[in-house]
């Protein structure tokens, strides 16, 4: 039996990951939108919210506008 591992990031790690990828996001922002809605998908393990890098990047890309050229 092959066990697949999936990387999960805590909320603080998720904020750092998004910032490192060019999407400046704070831990507090992720916490707020987790309760109000509209944030990236996450799972709860114990008392921790866990995010996957794929879900974080998908959410960040969905929030970006289309590329625009200057006039």
PDB file of N, CA and C in Angstrom:
ATOM      1  N   UNK A   1       0.844  -1.176   0.000  1.00  0.00           N
ATOM      2  CA  UNK A   1       0.000   0.000   0.000  1.00  0.00           C
ATOM      3  C   UNK A   1       0.893   1.245   0.000  1.00  0.00           C
ATOM      4  N   UNK A   2       0.638   2.125  -0.937  1.00  0.00           N
ATOM      5  CA  UNK A   2       1.407   3.358  -1.031  1.00  0.00           C
ATOM      6  C   UNK A   2       0.663   4.469  -0.305  1.00  0.00           C
ATOM      7  N   UNK A   3       1.368   5.152   0.573  1.00  0.00           N
ATOM      8  CA  UNK A   3       0.765   6.254   1.315  1.00  0.00           C
ATOM      9  C   UNK A   3       1.146   7.557   0.632  1.00  0.00           C
ATOM     10  N   UNK A   4       0.130   8.323   0.284  1.00  0.00           N
ATOM     11  CA  UNK A   4       0.383   9.618  -0.337  1.00  0.00           C
ATOM     12  C   UNK A   4       0.396  10.685   0.746  1.00  0.00           C
ATOM     13  N   UNK A   5       1.373  11.551   0.684  1.00  0.00           N
ATOM     14  CA  UNK A   5       1.418  12.649   1.640  1.00  0.00           C
ATOM     15  C   UNK A   5       1.002  13.930   0.932  1.00  0.00           C
ATOM     16  N   UNK A   6       0.280  14.742   1.639  1.00  0.00           N
ATOM     17  CA  UNK A   6      -0.181  16.006   1.092  1.00  0.00           C
ATOM     18  C   UNK A   6       0.300  17.103   2.029  1.00  0.00           C
ATOM     19  N   UNK A   7       0.871  18.132   1.465  1.00  0.00           N
ATOM     20  CA  UNK A   7       1.406  19.202   2.284  1.00  0.00           C
ATOM     21  C   UNK A   7       0.282  20.133   2.721  1.00  0.00           C
ATOM     22  N   UNK A   8       0.213  20.371   4.010  1.00  0.00           N
ATOM     23  CA  UNK A   8      -0.730  21.332   4.567  1.00  0.00           C
ATOM     24  C   UNK A   8       0.041  22.425   5.279  1.00  0.00           C
ATOM     25  N   UNK A   9      -0.468  23.634   5.191  1.00  0.00           N
ATOM     26  CA  UNK A   9       0.162  24.782   5.823  1.00  0.00           C
ATOM     27  C   UNK A   9      -0.770  25.352   6.883  1.00  0.00           C
ATOM     28  N   UNK A  10      -0.200  25.747   8.023  1.00  0.00           N
ATOM     29  CA  UNK A  10      -0.994  26.440   9.034  1.00  0.00           C
ATOM     30  C   UNK A  10      -1.359  27.822   8.496  1.00  0.00           C
ATOM     31  N   UNK A  11      -2.208  28.522   9.216  1.00  0.00           N
ATOM     32  CA  UNK A  11      -2.630  29.842   8.747  1.00  0.00           C
ATOM     33  C   UNK A  11      -1.438  30.803   8.635  1.00  0.00           C
ATOM     34  N   UNK A  12      -0.534  30.782   9.598  1.00  0.00           N
ATOM     35  CA  UNK A  12       0.653  31.650   9.535  1.00  0.00           C
ATOM     36  C   UNK A  12       1.544  31.257   8.362  1.00  0.00           C
ATOM     37  N   UNK A  13       1.745  29.958   8.171  1.00  0.00           N
ATOM     38  CA  UNK A  13       2.551  29.486   7.038  1.00  0.00           C
ATOM     39  C   UNK A  13       1.884  29.834   5.712  1.00  0.00           C
ATOM     40  N   UNK A  14       0.551  29.744   5.675  1.00  0.00           N
ATOM     41  CA  UNK A  14      -0.191  30.068   4.455  1.00  0.00           C
ATOM     42  C   UNK A  14      -0.016  31.541   4.094  1.00  0.00           C
ATOM     43  N   UNK A  15      -0.073  32.413   5.088  1.00  0.00           N
ATOM     44  CA  UNK A  15       0.123  33.842   4.837  1.00  0.00           C
ATOM     45  C   UNK A  15       1.534  34.104   4.313  1.00  0.00           C
ATOM     46  N   UNK A  16       2.529  33.470   4.920  1.00  0.00           N
ATOM     47  CA  UNK A  16       3.915  33.621   4.456  1.00  0.00           C
ATOM     48  C   UNK A  16       4.077  33.086   3.037  1.00  0.00           C
ATOM     49  N   UNK A  17       3.451  31.952   2.760  1.00  0.00           N
ATOM     50  CA  UNK A  17       3.542  31.331   1.434  1.00  0.00           C
ATOM     51  C   UNK A  17       2.964  32.260   0.369  1.00  0.00           C
ATOM     52  N   UNK A  18       1.774  32.794   0.626  1.00  0.00           N
ATOM     53  CA  UNK A  18       1.155  33.707  -0.334  1.00  0.00           C
ATOM     54  C   UNK A  18       2.018  34.948  -0.549  1.00  0.00           C
ATOM     55  N   UNK A  19       2.559  35.483   0.529  1.00  0.00           N
ATOM     56  CA  UNK A  19       3.418  36.663   0.429  1.00  0.00           C
ATOM     57  C   UNK A  19       4.669  36.349  -0.380  1.00  0.00           C
ATOM     58  N   UNK A  20       5.276  35.192  -0.127  1.00  0.00           N
ATOM     59  CA  UNK A  20       6.468  34.780  -0.879  1.00  0.00           C
ATOM     60  C   UNK A  20       6.165  34.584  -2.363  1.00  0.00           C
ATOM     61  N   UNK A  21       4.920  34.219  -2.674  1.00  0.00           N
ATOM     62  CA  UNK A  21       4.515  34.008  -4.070  1.00  0.00           C
ATOM     63  C   UNK A  21       4.072  35.305  -4.746  1.00  0.00           C
ATOM     64  N   UNK A  22       4.161  36.422  -4.025  1.00  0.00           N
ATOM     65  CA  UNK A  22       3.815  37.711  -4.616  1.00  0.00           C
ATOM     66  C   UNK A  22       2.412  38.200  -4.317  1.00  0.00           C
ATOM     67  N   UNK A  23       1.721  37.551  -3.395  1.00  0.00           N
ATOM     68  CA  UNK A  23       0.370  37.952  -3.003  1.00  0.00           C
ATOM     69  C   UNK A  23       0.391  38.331  -1.526  1.00  0.00           C
ATOM     70  N   UNK A  24       0.762  39.563  -1.182  1.00  0.00           N
ATOM     71  CA  UNK A  24       0.896  39.952   0.222  1.00  0.00           C
ATOM     72  C   UNK A  24      -0.406  39.726   0.988  1.00  0.00           C
ATOM     73  N   UNK A  25      -0.350  38.837   1.952  1.00  0.00           N
ATOM     74  CA  UNK A  25      -1.523  38.462   2.741  1.00  0.00           C
ATOM     75  C   UNK A  25      -1.075  38.218   4.169  1.00  0.00           C
ATOM     76  N   UNK A  26      -1.824  38.729   5.123  1.00  0.00           N
ATOM     77  CA  UNK A  26      -1.501  38.532   6.525  1.00  0.00           C
ATOM     78  C   UNK A  26      -2.302  37.394   7.135  1.00  0.00           C
ATOM     79  N   UNK A  27      -1.789  36.866   8.229  1.00  0.00           N
ATOM     80  CA  UNK A  27      -2.480  35.803   8.958  1.00  0.00           C
ATOM     81  C   UNK A  27      -3.864  36.284   9.406  1.00  0.00           C
ATOM     82  N   UNK A  28      -3.933  37.529   9.867  1.00  0.00           N
ATOM     83  CA  UNK A  28      -5.209  38.089  10.311  1.00  0.00           C
ATOM     84  C   UNK A  28      -6.234  38.177   9.193  1.00  0.00           C
ATOM     85  N   UNK A  29      -5.761  38.471   7.997  1.00  0.00           N
ATOM     86  CA  UNK A  29      -6.662  38.525   6.841  1.00  0.00           C
ATOM     87  C   UNK A  29      -7.264  37.155   6.572  1.00  0.00           C
ATOM     88  N   UNK A  30      -6.420  36.121   6.584  1.00  0.00           N
ATOM     89  CA  UNK A  30      -6.926  34.759   6.362  1.00  0.00           C
ATOM     90  C   UNK A  30      -7.903  34.356   7.460  1.00  0.00           C
ATOM     91  N   UNK A  31      -7.607  34.750   8.692  1.00  0.00           N
ATOM     92  CA  UNK A  31      -8.491  34.416   9.809  1.00  0.00           C
ATOM     93  C   UNK A  31      -9.843  35.109   9.643  1.00  0.00           C
ATOM     94  N   UNK A  32      -9.823  36.379   9.268  1.00  0.00           N
ATOM     95  CA  UNK A  32     -11.072  37.129   9.118  1.00  0.00           C
ATOM     96  C   UNK A  32     -11.930  36.568   7.991  1.00  0.00           C
ATOM     97  N   UNK A  33     -11.315  36.323   6.819  1.00  0.00           N
ATOM     98  CA  UNK A  33     -12.131  35.845   5.705  1.00  0.00           C
ATOM     99  C   UNK A  33     -12.557  34.390   5.880  1.00  0.00           C
ATOM    100  N   UNK A  34     -11.881  33.660   6.766  1.00  0.00           N
ATOM    101  CA  UNK A  34     -12.342  32.300   7.068  1.00  0.00           C
ATOM    102  C   UNK A  34     -13.686  32.356   7.795  1.00  0.00           C
ATOM    103  N   UNK A  35     -13.888  33.408   8.594  1.00  0.00           N
ATOM    104  CA  UNK A  35     -15.148  33.507   9.330  1.00  0.00           C
ATOM    105  C   UNK A  35     -16.229  34.263   8.562  1.00  0.00           C
ATOM    106  N   UNK A  36     -15.824  35.151   7.651  1.00  0.00           N
ATOM    107  CA  UNK A  36     -16.826  35.926   6.911  1.00  0.00           C
ATOM    108  C   UNK A  36     -17.141  35.343   5.541  1.00  0.00           C
ATOM    109  N   UNK A  37     -16.262  34.484   5.037  1.00  0.00           N
ATOM    110  CA  UNK A  37     -16.476  33.860   3.737  1.00  0.00           C
ATOM    111  C   UNK A  37     -15.651  34.517   2.651  1.00  0.00           C
ATOM    112  N   UNK A  38     -15.422  33.768   1.585  1.00  0.00           N
ATOM    113  CA  UNK A  38     -14.692  34.294   0.446  1.00  0.00           C
ATOM    114  C   UNK A  38     -13.213  33.989   0.436  1.00  0.00           C
ATOM    115  N   UNK A  39     -12.731  33.279   1.427  1.00  0.00           N
ATOM    116  CA  UNK A  39     -11.310  32.955   1.487  1.00  0.00           C
ATOM    117  C   UNK A  39     -10.994  31.635   0.811  1.00  0.00           C
ATOM    118  N   UNK A  40      -9.723  31.244   0.876  1.00  0.00           N
ATOM    119  CA  UNK A  40      -9.325  29.966   0.284  1.00  0.00           C
ATOM    120  C   UNK A  40      -9.909  28.790   1.067  1.00  0.00           C
ATOM    121  N   UNK A  41     -10.040  27.662   0.394  1.00  0.00           N
ATOM    122  CA  UNK A  41     -10.521  26.445   1.054  1.00  0.00           C
ATOM    123  C   UNK A  41      -9.527  26.036   2.134  1.00  0.00           C
ATOM    124  N   UNK A  42     -10.045  25.487   3.224  1.00  0.00           N
ATOM    125  CA  UNK A  42      -9.183  24.997   4.297  1.00  0.00           C
ATOM    126  C   UNK A  42      -9.874  23.856   5.021  1.00  0.00           C
ATOM    127  N   UNK A  43      -9.082  23.135   5.795  1.00  0.00           N
ATOM    128  CA  UNK A  43      -9.601  22.062   6.635  1.00  0.00           C
ATOM    129  C   UNK A  43      -9.264  22.399   8.080  1.00  0.00           C
ATOM    130  N   UNK A  44     -10.007  21.833   8.989  1.00  0.00           N
ATOM    131  CA  UNK A  44      -9.715  21.997  10.409  1.00  0.00           C
ATOM    132  C   UNK A  44      -9.170  20.678  10.936  1.00  0.00           C
ATOM    133  N   UNK A  45      -8.044  20.756  11.620  1.00  0.00           N
ATOM    134  CA  UNK A  45      -7.468  19.602  12.308  1.00  0.00           C
ATOM    135  C   UNK A  45      -7.239  20.044  13.743  1.00  0.00           C
ATOM    136  N   UNK A  46      -8.028  19.483  14.658  1.00  0.00           N
ATOM    137  CA  UNK A  46      -7.977  19.970  16.037  1.00  0.00           C
ATOM    138  C   UNK A  46      -8.502  21.395  16.059  1.00  0.00           C
ATOM    139  N   UNK A  47      -7.645  22.309  16.468  1.00  0.00           N
ATOM    140  CA  UNK A  47      -8.048  23.719  16.490  1.00  0.00           C
ATOM    141  C   UNK A  47      -7.347  24.536  15.407  1.00  0.00           C
ATOM    142  N   UNK A  48      -6.673  23.856  14.476  1.00  0.00           N
ATOM    143  CA  UNK A  48      -5.903  24.555  13.442  1.00  0.00           C
ATOM    144  C   UNK A  48      -6.566  24.485  12.077  1.00  0.00           C
ATOM    145  N   UNK A  49      -6.526  25.622  11.396  1.00  0.00           N
ATOM    146  CA  UNK A  49      -6.938  25.656   9.994  1.00  0.00           C
ATOM    147  C   UNK A  49      -5.731  25.266   9.159  1.00  0.00           C
ATOM    148  N   UNK A  50      -5.940  24.384   8.201  1.00  0.00           N
ATOM    149  CA  UNK A  50      -4.858  23.914   7.340  1.00  0.00           C
ATOM    150  C   UNK A  50      -5.223  24.158   5.883  1.00  0.00           C
ATOM    151  N   UNK A  51      -4.254  24.684   5.139  1.00  0.00           N
ATOM    152  CA  UNK A  51      -4.440  25.053   3.739  1.00  0.00           C
ATOM    153  C   UNK A  51      -3.472  24.269   2.864  1.00  0.00           C
ATOM    154  N   UNK A  52      -3.860  24.006   1.623  1.00  0.00           N
ATOM    155  CA  UNK A  52      -2.918  23.420   0.668  1.00  0.00           C
ATOM    156  C   UNK A  52      -2.376  24.549  -0.211  1.00  0.00           C
ATOM    157  N   UNK A  53      -1.130  24.429  -0.649  1.00  0.00           N
ATOM    158  CA  UNK A  53      -0.577  25.450  -1.543  1.00  0.00           C
ATOM    159  C   UNK A  53      -1.424  25.652  -2.802  1.00  0.00           C
ATOM    160  N   UNK A  54      -1.940  24.568  -3.371  1.00  0.00           N
ATOM    161  CA  UNK A  54      -2.772  24.683  -4.581  1.00  0.00           C
ATOM    162  C   UNK A  54      -4.019  25.526  -4.334  1.00  0.00           C
ATOM    163  N   UNK A  55      -4.700  25.280  -3.211  1.00  0.00           N
ATOM    164  CA  UNK A  55      -5.905  26.051  -2.896  1.00  0.00           C
ATOM    165  C   UNK A  55      -5.575  27.525  -2.662  1.00  0.00           C
ATOM    166  N   UNK A  56      -4.445  27.788  -2.025  1.00  0.00           N
ATOM    167  CA  UNK A  56      -4.041  29.172  -1.773  1.00  0.00           C
ATOM    168  C   UNK A  56      -3.774  29.917  -3.075  1.00  0.00           C
ATOM    169  N   UNK A  57      -3.020  29.287  -3.964  1.00  0.00           N
ATOM    170  CA  UNK A  57      -2.703  29.944  -5.238  1.00  0.00           C
ATOM    171  C   UNK A  57      -3.936  30.115  -6.113  1.00  0.00           C
ATOM    172  N   UNK A  58      -4.812  29.125  -6.111  1.00  0.00           N
ATOM    173  CA  UNK A  58      -6.059  29.222  -6.892  1.00  0.00           C
ATOM    174  C   UNK A  58      -6.890  30.410  -6.392  1.00  0.00           C
ATOM    175  N   UNK A  59      -7.015  30.539  -5.084  1.00  0.00           N
ATOM    176  CA  UNK A  59      -7.776  31.637  -4.491  1.00  0.00           C
ATOM    177  C   UNK A  59      -7.144  32.987  -4.834  1.00  0.00           C
ATOM    178  N   UNK A  60      -5.822  33.086  -4.712  1.00  0.00           N
ATOM    179  CA  UNK A  60      -5.129  34.344  -4.999  1.00  0.00           C
ATOM    180  C   UNK A  60      -5.289  34.730  -6.469  1.00  0.00           C
ATOM    181  N   UNK A  61      -5.137  33.765  -7.357  1.00  0.00           N
ATOM    182  CA  UNK A  61      -5.289  34.047  -8.793  1.00  0.00           C
ATOM    183  C   UNK A  61      -6.710  34.484  -9.126  1.00  0.00           C
ATOM    184  N   UNK A  62      -7.692  33.879  -8.479  1.00  0.00           N
ATOM    185  CA  UNK A  62      -9.090  34.246  -8.725  1.00  0.00           C
ATOM    186  C   UNK A  62      -9.390  35.675  -8.280  1.00  0.00           C
ATOM    187  N   UNK A  63      -8.638  36.182  -7.319  1.00  0.00           N
ATOM    188  CA  UNK A  63      -8.855  37.539  -6.810  1.00  0.00           C
ATOM    189  C   UNK A  63      -8.167  38.597  -7.660  1.00  0.00           C
ATOM    190  N   UNK A  64      -7.250  38.203  -8.511  1.00  0.00           N
ATOM    191  CA  UNK A  64      -6.493  39.159  -9.329  1.00  0.00           C
ATOM    192  C   UNK A  64      -7.303  39.593 -10.545  1.00  0.00           C
ATOM    193  N   UNK A  65      -7.060  40.822 -10.953  1.00  0.00           N
ATOM    194  CA  UNK A  65      -7.693  41.300 -12.181  1.00  0.00           C
ATOM    195  C   UNK A  65      -6.936  40.737 -13.375  1.00  0.00           C
ATOM    196  N   UNK A  66      -7.529  40.890 -14.531  1.00  0.00           N
ATOM    197  CA  UNK A  66      -6.860  40.492 -15.768  1.00  0.00           C
ATOM    198  C   UNK A  66      -5.670  41.414 -15.999  1.00  0.00           C
ATOM    199  N   UNK A  67      -4.694  40.933 -16.738  1.00  0.00           N
ATOM    200  CA  UNK A  67      -3.535  41.753 -17.083  1.00  0.00           C
ATOM    201  C   UNK A  67      -3.992  42.885 -17.988  1.00  0.00           C
ATOM    202  N   UNK A  68      -3.558  44.089 -17.658  1.00  0.00           N
ATOM    203  CA  UNK A  68      -3.962  45.260 -18.437  1.00  0.00           C
ATOM    204  C   UNK A  68      -2.725  45.954 -18.984  1.00  0.00           C
ATOM    205  N   UNK A  69      -2.860  46.505 -20.166  1.00  0.00           N
ATOM    206  CA  UNK A  69      -1.786  47.297 -20.763  1.00  0.00           C
ATOM    207  C   UNK A  69      -2.070  48.769 -20.509  1.00  0.00           C
ATOM    208  N   UNK A  70      -1.022  49.538 -20.327  1.00  0.00           N
ATOM    209  CA  UNK A  70      -1.231  50.977 -20.149  1.00  0.00           C
ATOM    210  C   UNK A  70      -1.618  51.603 -21.486  1.00  0.00           C
ATOM    211  N   UNK A  71      -2.382  52.658 -21.398  1.00  0.00           N
ATOM    212  CA  UNK A  71      -2.908  53.298 -22.621  1.00  0.00           C
ATOM    213  C   UNK A  71      -1.862  54.040 -23.395  1.00  0.00           C
TER     214      UNK A  71
END
